[in-house]
Amino acid sequence: YRQAPGKERELVASITGRGTTVYG
């Protein structure tokens, strides 16, 4: 995740145990 000044935390990327990925 990432959080910039004055902004909400947002998802950048995820990876499951099987290697499936999701990106912002």
PDBML (XML) file of the C-alpha atoms, coordinates in Angstrom:
<?xml version="1.0" encoding="UTF-8" ?>
<PDBx:datablock datablockName="MODEL"
   xmlns:PDBx="http://pdbml.pdb.org/schema/pdbx-v50.xsd"
   xmlns:xsi="http://www.w3.org/2001/XMLSchema-instance"
   xsi:schemaLocation="http://pdbml.pdb.org/schema/pdbx-v50.xsd pdbx-v50.xsd">
   <PDBx:atom_siteCategory>
      <PDBx:atom_site id="1">
         <PDBx:B_iso_or_equiv>0.00</PDBx:B_iso_or_equiv>
         <PDBx:Cartn_x>0.000</PDBx:Cartn_x>
         <PDBx:Cartn_y>0.000</PDBx:Cartn_y>
         <PDBx:Cartn_z>0.000</PDBx:Cartn_z>
         <PDBx:auth_asym_id>A</PDBx:auth_asym_id>
         <PDBx:auth_atom_id>CA</PDBx:auth_atom_id>
         <PDBx:auth_comp_id>TYR</PDBx:auth_comp_id>
         <PDBx:auth_seq_id>1</PDBx:auth_seq_id>
         <PDBx:group_PDB>ATOM</PDBx:group_PDB>
         <PDBx:label_alt_id xsi:nil="true" />
         <PDBx:label_asym_id>A</PDBx:label_asym_id>
         <PDBx:label_atom_id>CA</PDBx:label_atom_id>
         <PDBx:label_comp_id>TYR</PDBx:label_comp_id>
         <PDBx:label_entity_id>1</PDBx:label_entity_id>
         <PDBx:label_seq_id>1</PDBx:label_seq_id>
         <PDBx:occupancy>1.00</PDBx:occupancy>
         <PDBx:pdbx_PDB_model_num>1</PDBx:pdbx_PDB_model_num>
         <PDBx:type_symbol>C</PDBx:type_symbol>
      </PDBx:atom_site>
      <PDBx:atom_site id="2">
         <PDBx:B_iso_or_equiv>0.00</PDBx:B_iso_or_equiv>
         <PDBx:Cartn_x>1.051</PDBx:Cartn_x>
         <PDBx:Cartn_y>3.622</PDBx:Cartn_y>
         <PDBx:Cartn_z>-0.159</PDBx:Cartn_z>
         <PDBx:auth_asym_id>A</PDBx:auth_asym_id>
         <PDBx:auth_atom_id>CA</PDBx:auth_atom_id>
         <PDBx:auth_comp_id>ARG</PDBx:auth_comp_id>
         <PDBx:auth_seq_id>2</PDBx:auth_seq_id>
         <PDBx:group_PDB>ATOM</PDBx:group_PDB>
         <PDBx:label_alt_id xsi:nil="true" />
         <PDBx:label_asym_id>A</PDBx:label_asym_id>
         <PDBx:label_atom_id>CA</PDBx:label_atom_id>
         <PDBx:label_comp_id>ARG</PDBx:label_comp_id>
         <PDBx:label_entity_id>1</PDBx:label_entity_id>
         <PDBx:label_seq_id>2</PDBx:label_seq_id>
         <PDBx:occupancy>1.00</PDBx:occupancy>
         <PDBx:pdbx_PDB_model_num>1</PDBx:pdbx_PDB_model_num>
         <PDBx:type_symbol>C</PDBx:type_symbol>
      </PDBx:atom_site>
      <PDBx:atom_site id="3">
         <PDBx:B_iso_or_equiv>0.00</PDBx:B_iso_or_equiv>
         <PDBx:Cartn_x>0.024</PDBx:Cartn_x>
         <PDBx:Cartn_y>6.857</PDBx:Cartn_y>
         <PDBx:Cartn_z>1.472</PDBx:Cartn_z>
         <PDBx:auth_asym_id>A</PDBx:auth_asym_id>
         <PDBx:auth_atom_id>CA</PDBx:auth_atom_id>
         <PDBx:auth_comp_id>GLN</PDBx:auth_comp_id>
         <PDBx:auth_seq_id>3</PDBx:auth_seq_id>
         <PDBx:group_PDB>ATOM</PDBx:group_PDB>
         <PDBx:label_alt_id xsi:nil="true" />
         <PDBx:label_asym_id>A</PDBx:label_asym_id>
         <PDBx:label_atom_id>CA</PDBx:label_atom_id>
         <PDBx:label_comp_id>GLN</PDBx:label_comp_id>
         <PDBx:label_entity_id>1</PDBx:label_entity_id>
         <PDBx:label_seq_id>3</PDBx:label_seq_id>
         <PDBx:occupancy>1.00</PDBx:occupancy>
         <PDBx:pdbx_PDB_model_num>1</PDBx:pdbx_PDB_model_num>
         <PDBx:type_symbol>C</PDBx:type_symbol>
      </PDBx:atom_site>
      <PDBx:atom_site id="4">
         <PDBx:B_iso_or_equiv>0.00</PDBx:B_iso_or_equiv>
         <PDBx:Cartn_x>0.900</PDBx:Cartn_x>
         <PDBx:Cartn_y>10.295</PDBx:Cartn_y>
         <PDBx:Cartn_z>0.179</PDBx:Cartn_z>
         <PDBx:auth_asym_id>A</PDBx:auth_asym_id>
         <PDBx:auth_atom_id>CA</PDBx:auth_atom_id>
         <PDBx:auth_comp_id>ALA</PDBx:auth_comp_id>
         <PDBx:auth_seq_id>4</PDBx:auth_seq_id>
         <PDBx:group_PDB>ATOM</PDBx:group_PDB>
         <PDBx:label_alt_id xsi:nil="true" />
         <PDBx:label_asym_id>A</PDBx:label_asym_id>
         <PDBx:label_atom_id>CA</PDBx:label_atom_id>
         <PDBx:label_comp_id>ALA</PDBx:label_comp_id>
         <PDBx:label_entity_id>1</PDBx:label_entity_id>
         <PDBx:label_seq_id>4</PDBx:label_seq_id>
         <PDBx:occupancy>1.00</PDBx:occupancy>
         <PDBx:pdbx_PDB_model_num>1</PDBx:pdbx_PDB_model_num>
         <PDBx:type_symbol>C</PDBx:type_symbol>
      </PDBx:atom_site>
      <PDBx:atom_site id="5">
         <PDBx:B_iso_or_equiv>0.00</PDBx:B_iso_or_equiv>
         <PDBx:Cartn_x>0.642</PDBx:Cartn_x>
         <PDBx:Cartn_y>13.427</PDBx:Cartn_y>
         <PDBx:Cartn_z>2.358</PDBx:Cartn_z>
         <PDBx:auth_asym_id>A</PDBx:auth_asym_id>
         <PDBx:auth_atom_id>CA</PDBx:auth_atom_id>
         <PDBx:auth_comp_id>PRO</PDBx:auth_comp_id>
         <PDBx:auth_seq_id>5</PDBx:auth_seq_id>
         <PDBx:group_PDB>ATOM</PDBx:group_PDB>
         <PDBx:label_alt_id xsi:nil="true" />
         <PDBx:label_asym_id>A</PDBx:label_asym_id>
         <PDBx:label_atom_id>CA</PDBx:label_atom_id>
         <PDBx:label_comp_id>PRO</PDBx:label_comp_id>
         <PDBx:label_entity_id>1</PDBx:label_entity_id>
         <PDBx:label_seq_id>5</PDBx:label_seq_id>
         <PDBx:occupancy>1.00</PDBx:occupancy>
         <PDBx:pdbx_PDB_model_num>1</PDBx:pdbx_PDB_model_num>
         <PDBx:type_symbol>C</PDBx:type_symbol>
      </PDBx:atom_site>
      <PDBx:atom_site id="6">
         <PDBx:B_iso_or_equiv>0.00</PDBx:B_iso_or_equiv>
         <PDBx:Cartn_x>-2.971</PDBx:Cartn_x>
         <PDBx:Cartn_y>14.474</PDBx:Cartn_y>
         <PDBx:Cartn_z>2.760</PDBx:Cartn_z>
         <PDBx:auth_asym_id>A</PDBx:auth_asym_id>
         <PDBx:auth_atom_id>CA</PDBx:auth_atom_id>
         <PDBx:auth_comp_id>GLY</PDBx:auth_comp_id>
         <PDBx:auth_seq_id>6</PDBx:auth_seq_id>
         <PDBx:group_PDB>ATOM</PDBx:group_PDB>
         <PDBx:label_alt_id xsi:nil="true" />
         <PDBx:label_asym_id>A</PDBx:label_asym_id>
         <PDBx:label_atom_id>CA</PDBx:label_atom_id>
         <PDBx:label_comp_id>GLY</PDBx:label_comp_id>
         <PDBx:label_entity_id>1</PDBx:label_entity_id>
         <PDBx:label_seq_id>6</PDBx:label_seq_id>
         <PDBx:occupancy>1.00</PDBx:occupancy>
         <PDBx:pdbx_PDB_model_num>1</PDBx:pdbx_PDB_model_num>
         <PDBx:type_symbol>C</PDBx:type_symbol>
      </PDBx:atom_site>
      <PDBx:atom_site id="7">
         <PDBx:B_iso_or_equiv>0.00</PDBx:B_iso_or_equiv>
         <PDBx:Cartn_x>-4.283</PDBx:Cartn_x>
         <PDBx:Cartn_y>11.399</PDBx:Cartn_y>
         <PDBx:Cartn_z>0.971</PDBx:Cartn_z>
         <PDBx:auth_asym_id>A</PDBx:auth_asym_id>
         <PDBx:auth_atom_id>CA</PDBx:auth_atom_id>
         <PDBx:auth_comp_id>LYS</PDBx:auth_comp_id>
         <PDBx:auth_seq_id>7</PDBx:auth_seq_id>
         <PDBx:group_PDB>ATOM</PDBx:group_PDB>
         <PDBx:label_alt_id xsi:nil="true" />
         <PDBx:label_asym_id>A</PDBx:label_asym_id>
         <PDBx:label_atom_id>CA</PDBx:label_atom_id>
         <PDBx:label_comp_id>LYS</PDBx:label_comp_id>
         <PDBx:label_entity_id>1</PDBx:label_entity_id>
         <PDBx:label_seq_id>7</PDBx:label_seq_id>
         <PDBx:occupancy>1.00</PDBx:occupancy>
         <PDBx:pdbx_PDB_model_num>1</PDBx:pdbx_PDB_model_num>
         <PDBx:type_symbol>C</PDBx:type_symbol>
      </PDBx:atom_site>
      <PDBx:atom_site id="8">
         <PDBx:B_iso_or_equiv>0.00</PDBx:B_iso_or_equiv>
         <PDBx:Cartn_x>-5.789</PDBx:Cartn_x>
         <PDBx:Cartn_y>8.101</PDBx:Cartn_y>
         <PDBx:Cartn_z>2.046</PDBx:Cartn_z>
         <PDBx:auth_asym_id>A</PDBx:auth_asym_id>
         <PDBx:auth_atom_id>CA</PDBx:auth_atom_id>
         <PDBx:auth_comp_id>GLU</PDBx:auth_comp_id>
         <PDBx:auth_seq_id>8</PDBx:auth_seq_id>
         <PDBx:group_PDB>ATOM</PDBx:group_PDB>
         <PDBx:label_alt_id xsi:nil="true" />
         <PDBx:label_asym_id>A</PDBx:label_asym_id>
         <PDBx:label_atom_id>CA</PDBx:label_atom_id>
         <PDBx:label_comp_id>GLU</PDBx:label_comp_id>
         <PDBx:label_entity_id>1</PDBx:label_entity_id>
         <PDBx:label_seq_id>8</PDBx:label_seq_id>
         <PDBx:occupancy>1.00</PDBx:occupancy>
         <PDBx:pdbx_PDB_model_num>1</PDBx:pdbx_PDB_model_num>
         <PDBx:type_symbol>C</PDBx:type_symbol>
      </PDBx:atom_site>
      <PDBx:atom_site id="9">
         <PDBx:B_iso_or_equiv>0.00</PDBx:B_iso_or_equiv>
         <PDBx:Cartn_x>-3.783</PDBx:Cartn_x>
         <PDBx:Cartn_y>4.908</PDBx:Cartn_y>
         <PDBx:Cartn_z>2.029</PDBx:Cartn_z>
         <PDBx:auth_asym_id>A</PDBx:auth_asym_id>
         <PDBx:auth_atom_id>CA</PDBx:auth_atom_id>
         <PDBx:auth_comp_id>ARG</PDBx:auth_comp_id>
         <PDBx:auth_seq_id>9</PDBx:auth_seq_id>
         <PDBx:group_PDB>ATOM</PDBx:group_PDB>
         <PDBx:label_alt_id xsi:nil="true" />
         <PDBx:label_asym_id>A</PDBx:label_asym_id>
         <PDBx:label_atom_id>CA</PDBx:label_atom_id>
         <PDBx:label_comp_id>ARG</PDBx:label_comp_id>
         <PDBx:label_entity_id>1</PDBx:label_entity_id>
         <PDBx:label_seq_id>9</PDBx:label_seq_id>
         <PDBx:occupancy>1.00</PDBx:occupancy>
         <PDBx:pdbx_PDB_model_num>1</PDBx:pdbx_PDB_model_num>
         <PDBx:type_symbol>C</PDBx:type_symbol>
      </PDBx:atom_site>
      <PDBx:atom_site id="10">
         <PDBx:B_iso_or_equiv>0.00</PDBx:B_iso_or_equiv>
         <PDBx:Cartn_x>-4.317</PDBx:Cartn_x>
         <PDBx:Cartn_y>3.051</PDBx:Cartn_y>
         <PDBx:Cartn_z>-1.252</PDBx:Cartn_z>
         <PDBx:auth_asym_id>A</PDBx:auth_asym_id>
         <PDBx:auth_atom_id>CA</PDBx:auth_atom_id>
         <PDBx:auth_comp_id>GLU</PDBx:auth_comp_id>
         <PDBx:auth_seq_id>10</PDBx:auth_seq_id>
         <PDBx:group_PDB>ATOM</PDBx:group_PDB>
         <PDBx:label_alt_id xsi:nil="true" />
         <PDBx:label_asym_id>A</PDBx:label_asym_id>
         <PDBx:label_atom_id>CA</PDBx:label_atom_id>
         <PDBx:label_comp_id>GLU</PDBx:label_comp_id>
         <PDBx:label_entity_id>1</PDBx:label_entity_id>
         <PDBx:label_seq_id>10</PDBx:label_seq_id>
         <PDBx:occupancy>1.00</PDBx:occupancy>
         <PDBx:pdbx_PDB_model_num>1</PDBx:pdbx_PDB_model_num>
         <PDBx:type_symbol>C</PDBx:type_symbol>
      </PDBx:atom_site>
      <PDBx:atom_site id="11">
         <PDBx:B_iso_or_equiv>0.00</PDBx:B_iso_or_equiv>
         <PDBx:Cartn_x>-3.552</PDBx:Cartn_x>
         <PDBx:Cartn_y>-0.390</PDBx:Cartn_y>
         <PDBx:Cartn_z>-2.587</PDBx:Cartn_z>
         <PDBx:auth_asym_id>A</PDBx:auth_asym_id>
         <PDBx:auth_atom_id>CA</PDBx:auth_atom_id>
         <PDBx:auth_comp_id>LEU</PDBx:auth_comp_id>
         <PDBx:auth_seq_id>11</PDBx:auth_seq_id>
         <PDBx:group_PDB>ATOM</PDBx:group_PDB>
         <PDBx:label_alt_id xsi:nil="true" />
         <PDBx:label_asym_id>A</PDBx:label_asym_id>
         <PDBx:label_atom_id>CA</PDBx:label_atom_id>
         <PDBx:label_comp_id>LEU</PDBx:label_comp_id>
         <PDBx:label_entity_id>1</PDBx:label_entity_id>
         <PDBx:label_seq_id>11</PDBx:label_seq_id>
         <PDBx:occupancy>1.00</PDBx:occupancy>
         <PDBx:pdbx_PDB_model_num>1</PDBx:pdbx_PDB_model_num>
         <PDBx:type_symbol>C</PDBx:type_symbol>
      </PDBx:atom_site>
      <PDBx:atom_site id="12">
         <PDBx:B_iso_or_equiv>0.00</PDBx:B_iso_or_equiv>
         <PDBx:Cartn_x>-0.570</PDBx:Cartn_x>
         <PDBx:Cartn_y>-0.586</PDBx:Cartn_y>
         <PDBx:Cartn_z>-4.925</PDBx:Cartn_z>
         <PDBx:auth_asym_id>A</PDBx:auth_asym_id>
         <PDBx:auth_atom_id>CA</PDBx:auth_atom_id>
         <PDBx:auth_comp_id>VAL</PDBx:auth_comp_id>
         <PDBx:auth_seq_id>12</PDBx:auth_seq_id>
         <PDBx:group_PDB>ATOM</PDBx:group_PDB>
         <PDBx:label_alt_id xsi:nil="true" />
         <PDBx:label_asym_id>A</PDBx:label_asym_id>
         <PDBx:label_atom_id>CA</PDBx:label_atom_id>
         <PDBx:label_comp_id>VAL</PDBx:label_comp_id>
         <PDBx:label_entity_id>1</PDBx:label_entity_id>
         <PDBx:label_seq_id>12</PDBx:label_seq_id>
         <PDBx:occupancy>1.00</PDBx:occupancy>
         <PDBx:pdbx_PDB_model_num>1</PDBx:pdbx_PDB_model_num>
         <PDBx:type_symbol>C</PDBx:type_symbol>
      </PDBx:atom_site>
      <PDBx:atom_site id="13">
         <PDBx:B_iso_or_equiv>0.00</PDBx:B_iso_or_equiv>
         <PDBx:Cartn_x>-0.358</PDBx:Cartn_x>
         <PDBx:Cartn_y>-4.322</PDBx:Cartn_y>
         <PDBx:Cartn_z>-5.541</PDBx:Cartn_z>
         <PDBx:auth_asym_id>A</PDBx:auth_asym_id>
         <PDBx:auth_atom_id>CA</PDBx:auth_atom_id>
         <PDBx:auth_comp_id>ALA</PDBx:auth_comp_id>
         <PDBx:auth_seq_id>13</PDBx:auth_seq_id>
         <PDBx:group_PDB>ATOM</PDBx:group_PDB>
         <PDBx:label_alt_id xsi:nil="true" />
         <PDBx:label_asym_id>A</PDBx:label_asym_id>
         <PDBx:label_atom_id>CA</PDBx:label_atom_id>
         <PDBx:label_comp_id>ALA</PDBx:label_comp_id>
         <PDBx:label_entity_id>1</PDBx:label_entity_id>
         <PDBx:label_seq_id>13</PDBx:label_seq_id>
         <PDBx:occupancy>1.00</PDBx:occupancy>
         <PDBx:pdbx_PDB_model_num>1</PDBx:pdbx_PDB_model_num>
         <PDBx:type_symbol>C</PDBx:type_symbol>
      </PDBx:atom_site>
      <PDBx:atom_site id="14">
         <PDBx:B_iso_or_equiv>0.00</PDBx:B_iso_or_equiv>
         <PDBx:Cartn_x>-1.231</PDBx:Cartn_x>
         <PDBx:Cartn_y>-7.700</PDBx:Cartn_y>
         <PDBx:Cartn_z>-4.062</PDBx:Cartn_z>
         <PDBx:auth_asym_id>A</PDBx:auth_asym_id>
         <PDBx:auth_atom_id>CA</PDBx:auth_atom_id>
         <PDBx:auth_comp_id>SER</PDBx:auth_comp_id>
         <PDBx:auth_seq_id>14</PDBx:auth_seq_id>
         <PDBx:group_PDB>ATOM</PDBx:group_PDB>
         <PDBx:label_alt_id xsi:nil="true" />
         <PDBx:label_asym_id>A</PDBx:label_asym_id>
         <PDBx:label_atom_id>CA</PDBx:label_atom_id>
         <PDBx:label_comp_id>SER</PDBx:label_comp_id>
         <PDBx:label_entity_id>1</PDBx:label_entity_id>
         <PDBx:label_seq_id>14</PDBx:label_seq_id>
         <PDBx:occupancy>1.00</PDBx:occupancy>
         <PDBx:pdbx_PDB_model_num>1</PDBx:pdbx_PDB_model_num>
         <PDBx:type_symbol>C</PDBx:type_symbol>
      </PDBx:atom_site>
      <PDBx:atom_site id="15">
         <PDBx:B_iso_or_equiv>0.00</PDBx:B_iso_or_equiv>
         <PDBx:Cartn_x>0.009</PDBx:Cartn_x>
         <PDBx:Cartn_y>-11.220</PDBx:Cartn_y>
         <PDBx:Cartn_z>-4.664</PDBx:Cartn_z>
         <PDBx:auth_asym_id>A</PDBx:auth_asym_id>
         <PDBx:auth_atom_id>CA</PDBx:auth_atom_id>
         <PDBx:auth_comp_id>ILE</PDBx:auth_comp_id>
         <PDBx:auth_seq_id>15</PDBx:auth_seq_id>
         <PDBx:group_PDB>ATOM</PDBx:group_PDB>
         <PDBx:label_alt_id xsi:nil="true" />
         <PDBx:label_asym_id>A</PDBx:label_asym_id>
         <PDBx:label_atom_id>CA</PDBx:label_atom_id>
         <PDBx:label_comp_id>ILE</PDBx:label_comp_id>
         <PDBx:label_entity_id>1</PDBx:label_entity_id>
         <PDBx:label_seq_id>15</PDBx:label_seq_id>
         <PDBx:occupancy>1.00</PDBx:occupancy>
         <PDBx:pdbx_PDB_model_num>1</PDBx:pdbx_PDB_model_num>
         <PDBx:type_symbol>C</PDBx:type_symbol>
      </PDBx:atom_site>
      <PDBx:atom_site id="16">
         <PDBx:B_iso_or_equiv>0.00</PDBx:B_iso_or_equiv>
         <PDBx:Cartn_x>-1.636</PDBx:Cartn_x>
         <PDBx:Cartn_y>-14.427</PDBx:Cartn_y>
         <PDBx:Cartn_z>-3.468</PDBx:Cartn_z>
         <PDBx:auth_asym_id>A</PDBx:auth_asym_id>
         <PDBx:auth_atom_id>CA</PDBx:auth_atom_id>
         <PDBx:auth_comp_id>THR</PDBx:auth_comp_id>
         <PDBx:auth_seq_id>16</PDBx:auth_seq_id>
         <PDBx:group_PDB>ATOM</PDBx:group_PDB>
         <PDBx:label_alt_id xsi:nil="true" />
         <PDBx:label_asym_id>A</PDBx:label_asym_id>
         <PDBx:label_atom_id>CA</PDBx:label_atom_id>
         <PDBx:label_comp_id>THR</PDBx:label_comp_id>
         <PDBx:label_entity_id>1</PDBx:label_entity_id>
         <PDBx:label_seq_id>16</PDBx:label_seq_id>
         <PDBx:occupancy>1.00</PDBx:occupancy>
         <PDBx:pdbx_PDB_model_num>1</PDBx:pdbx_PDB_model_num>
         <PDBx:type_symbol>C</PDBx:type_symbol>
      </PDBx:atom_site>
      <PDBx:atom_site id="17">
         <PDBx:B_iso_or_equiv>0.00</PDBx:B_iso_or_equiv>
         <PDBx:Cartn_x>0.129</PDBx:Cartn_x>
         <PDBx:Cartn_y>-17.555</PDBx:Cartn_y>
         <PDBx:Cartn_z>-2.329</PDBx:Cartn_z>
         <PDBx:auth_asym_id>A</PDBx:auth_asym_id>
         <PDBx:auth_atom_id>CA</PDBx:auth_atom_id>
         <PDBx:auth_comp_id>GLY</PDBx:auth_comp_id>
         <PDBx:auth_seq_id>17</PDBx:auth_seq_id>
         <PDBx:group_PDB>ATOM</PDBx:group_PDB>
         <PDBx:label_alt_id xsi:nil="true" />
         <PDBx:label_asym_id>A</PDBx:label_asym_id>
         <PDBx:label_atom_id>CA</PDBx:label_atom_id>
         <PDBx:label_comp_id>GLY</PDBx:label_comp_id>
         <PDBx:label_entity_id>1</PDBx:label_entity_id>
         <PDBx:label_seq_id>17</PDBx:label_seq_id>
         <PDBx:occupancy>1.00</PDBx:occupancy>
         <PDBx:pdbx_PDB_model_num>1</PDBx:pdbx_PDB_model_num>
         <PDBx:type_symbol>C</PDBx:type_symbol>
      </PDBx:atom_site>
      <PDBx:atom_site id="18">
         <PDBx:B_iso_or_equiv>0.00</PDBx:B_iso_or_equiv>
         <PDBx:Cartn_x>-0.435</PDBx:Cartn_x>
         <PDBx:Cartn_y>-18.999</PDBx:Cartn_y>
         <PDBx:Cartn_z>-5.803</PDBx:Cartn_z>
         <PDBx:auth_asym_id>A</PDBx:auth_asym_id>
         <PDBx:auth_atom_id>CA</PDBx:auth_atom_id>
         <PDBx:auth_comp_id>ARG</PDBx:auth_comp_id>
         <PDBx:auth_seq_id>18</PDBx:auth_seq_id>
         <PDBx:group_PDB>ATOM</PDBx:group_PDB>
         <PDBx:label_alt_id xsi:nil="true" />
         <PDBx:label_asym_id>A</PDBx:label_asym_id>
         <PDBx:label_atom_id>CA</PDBx:label_atom_id>
         <PDBx:label_comp_id>ARG</PDBx:label_comp_id>
         <PDBx:label_entity_id>1</PDBx:label_entity_id>
         <PDBx:label_seq_id>18</PDBx:label_seq_id>
         <PDBx:occupancy>1.00</PDBx:occupancy>
         <PDBx:pdbx_PDB_model_num>1</PDBx:pdbx_PDB_model_num>
         <PDBx:type_symbol>C</PDBx:type_symbol>
      </PDBx:atom_site>
      <PDBx:atom_site id="19">
         <PDBx:B_iso_or_equiv>0.00</PDBx:B_iso_or_equiv>
         <PDBx:Cartn_x>1.088</PDBx:Cartn_x>
         <PDBx:Cartn_y>-15.955</PDBx:Cartn_y>
         <PDBx:Cartn_z>-7.466</PDBx:Cartn_z>
         <PDBx:auth_asym_id>A</PDBx:auth_asym_id>
         <PDBx:auth_atom_id>CA</PDBx:auth_atom_id>
         <PDBx:auth_comp_id>GLY</PDBx:auth_comp_id>
         <PDBx:auth_seq_id>19</PDBx:auth_seq_id>
         <PDBx:group_PDB>ATOM</PDBx:group_PDB>
         <PDBx:label_alt_id xsi:nil="true" />
         <PDBx:label_asym_id>A</PDBx:label_asym_id>
         <PDBx:label_atom_id>CA</PDBx:label_atom_id>
         <PDBx:label_comp_id>GLY</PDBx:label_comp_id>
         <PDBx:label_entity_id>1</PDBx:label_entity_id>
         <PDBx:label_seq_id>19</PDBx:label_seq_id>
         <PDBx:occupancy>1.00</PDBx:occupancy>
         <PDBx:pdbx_PDB_model_num>1</PDBx:pdbx_PDB_model_num>
         <PDBx:type_symbol>C</PDBx:type_symbol>
      </PDBx:atom_site>
      <PDBx:atom_site id="20">
         <PDBx:B_iso_or_equiv>0.00</PDBx:B_iso_or_equiv>
         <PDBx:Cartn_x>-2.049</PDBx:Cartn_x>
         <PDBx:Cartn_y>-14.238</PDBx:Cartn_y>
         <PDBx:Cartn_z>-8.672</PDBx:Cartn_z>
         <PDBx:auth_asym_id>A</PDBx:auth_asym_id>
         <PDBx:auth_atom_id>CA</PDBx:auth_atom_id>
         <PDBx:auth_comp_id>THR</PDBx:auth_comp_id>
         <PDBx:auth_seq_id>20</PDBx:auth_seq_id>
         <PDBx:group_PDB>ATOM</PDBx:group_PDB>
         <PDBx:label_alt_id xsi:nil="true" />
         <PDBx:label_asym_id>A</PDBx:label_asym_id>
         <PDBx:label_atom_id>CA</PDBx:label_atom_id>
         <PDBx:label_comp_id>THR</PDBx:label_comp_id>
         <PDBx:label_entity_id>1</PDBx:label_entity_id>
         <PDBx:label_seq_id>20</PDBx:label_seq_id>
         <PDBx:occupancy>1.00</PDBx:occupancy>
         <PDBx:pdbx_PDB_model_num>1</PDBx:pdbx_PDB_model_num>
         <PDBx:type_symbol>C</PDBx:type_symbol>
      </PDBx:atom_site>
      <PDBx:atom_site id="21">
         <PDBx:B_iso_or_equiv>0.00</PDBx:B_iso_or_equiv>
         <PDBx:Cartn_x>-1.470</PDBx:Cartn_x>
         <PDBx:Cartn_y>-10.495</PDBx:Cartn_y>
         <PDBx:Cartn_z>-8.794</PDBx:Cartn_z>
         <PDBx:auth_asym_id>A</PDBx:auth_asym_id>
         <PDBx:auth_atom_id>CA</PDBx:auth_atom_id>
         <PDBx:auth_comp_id>THR</PDBx:auth_comp_id>
         <PDBx:auth_seq_id>21</PDBx:auth_seq_id>
         <PDBx:group_PDB>ATOM</PDBx:group_PDB>
         <PDBx:label_alt_id xsi:nil="true" />
         <PDBx:label_asym_id>A</PDBx:label_asym_id>
         <PDBx:label_atom_id>CA</PDBx:label_atom_id>
         <PDBx:label_comp_id>THR</PDBx:label_comp_id>
         <PDBx:label_entity_id>1</PDBx:label_entity_id>
         <PDBx:label_seq_id>21</PDBx:label_seq_id>
         <PDBx:occupancy>1.00</PDBx:occupancy>
         <PDBx:pdbx_PDB_model_num>1</PDBx:pdbx_PDB_model_num>
         <PDBx:type_symbol>C</PDBx:type_symbol>
      </PDBx:atom_site>
      <PDBx:atom_site id="22">
         <PDBx:B_iso_or_equiv>0.00</PDBx:B_iso_or_equiv>
         <PDBx:Cartn_x>-3.660</PDBx:Cartn_x>
         <PDBx:Cartn_y>-7.414</PDBx:Cartn_y>
         <PDBx:Cartn_z>-8.631</PDBx:Cartn_z>
         <PDBx:auth_asym_id>A</PDBx:auth_asym_id>
         <PDBx:auth_atom_id>CA</PDBx:auth_atom_id>
         <PDBx:auth_comp_id>VAL</PDBx:auth_comp_id>
         <PDBx:auth_seq_id>22</PDBx:auth_seq_id>
         <PDBx:group_PDB>ATOM</PDBx:group_PDB>
         <PDBx:label_alt_id xsi:nil="true" />
         <PDBx:label_asym_id>A</PDBx:label_asym_id>
         <PDBx:label_atom_id>CA</PDBx:label_atom_id>
         <PDBx:label_comp_id>VAL</PDBx:label_comp_id>
         <PDBx:label_entity_id>1</PDBx:label_entity_id>
         <PDBx:label_seq_id>22</PDBx:label_seq_id>
         <PDBx:occupancy>1.00</PDBx:occupancy>
         <PDBx:pdbx_PDB_model_num>1</PDBx:pdbx_PDB_model_num>
         <PDBx:type_symbol>C</PDBx:type_symbol>
      </PDBx:atom_site>
      <PDBx:atom_site id="23">
         <PDBx:B_iso_or_equiv>0.00</PDBx:B_iso_or_equiv>
         <PDBx:Cartn_x>-2.526</PDBx:Cartn_x>
         <PDBx:Cartn_y>-3.836</PDBx:Cartn_y>
         <PDBx:Cartn_z>-9.214</PDBx:Cartn_z>
         <PDBx:auth_asym_id>A</PDBx:auth_asym_id>
         <PDBx:auth_atom_id>CA</PDBx:auth_atom_id>
         <PDBx:auth_comp_id>TYR</PDBx:auth_comp_id>
         <PDBx:auth_seq_id>23</PDBx:auth_seq_id>
         <PDBx:group_PDB>ATOM</PDBx:group_PDB>
         <PDBx:label_alt_id xsi:nil="true" />
         <PDBx:label_asym_id>A</PDBx:label_asym_id>
         <PDBx:label_atom_id>CA</PDBx:label_atom_id>
         <PDBx:label_comp_id>TYR</PDBx:label_comp_id>
         <PDBx:label_entity_id>1</PDBx:label_entity_id>
         <PDBx:label_seq_id>23</PDBx:label_seq_id>
         <PDBx:occupancy>1.00</PDBx:occupancy>
         <PDBx:pdbx_PDB_model_num>1</PDBx:pdbx_PDB_model_num>
         <PDBx:type_symbol>C</PDBx:type_symbol>
      </PDBx:atom_site>
      <PDBx:atom_site id="24">
         <PDBx:B_iso_or_equiv>0.00</PDBx:B_iso_or_equiv>
         <PDBx:Cartn_x>-3.964</PDBx:Cartn_x>
         <PDBx:Cartn_y>-0.394</PDBx:Cartn_y>
         <PDBx:Cartn_z>-8.604</PDBx:Cartn_z>
         <PDBx:auth_asym_id>A</PDBx:auth_asym_id>
         <PDBx:auth_atom_id>CA</PDBx:auth_atom_id>
         <PDBx:auth_comp_id>GLY</PDBx:auth_comp_id>
         <PDBx:auth_seq_id>24</PDBx:auth_seq_id>
         <PDBx:group_PDB>ATOM</PDBx:group_PDB>
         <PDBx:label_alt_id xsi:nil="true" />
         <PDBx:label_asym_id>A</PDBx:label_asym_id>
         <PDBx:label_atom_id>CA</PDBx:label_atom_id>
         <PDBx:label_comp_id>GLY</PDBx:label_comp_id>
         <PDBx:label_entity_id>1</PDBx:label_entity_id>
         <PDBx:label_seq_id>24</PDBx:label_seq_id>
         <PDBx:occupancy>1.00</PDBx:occupancy>
         <PDBx:pdbx_PDB_model_num>1</PDBx:pdbx_PDB_model_num>
         <PDBx:type_symbol>C</PDBx:type_symbol>
      </PDBx:atom_site>
   </PDBx:atom_siteCategory>
</PDBx:datablock>
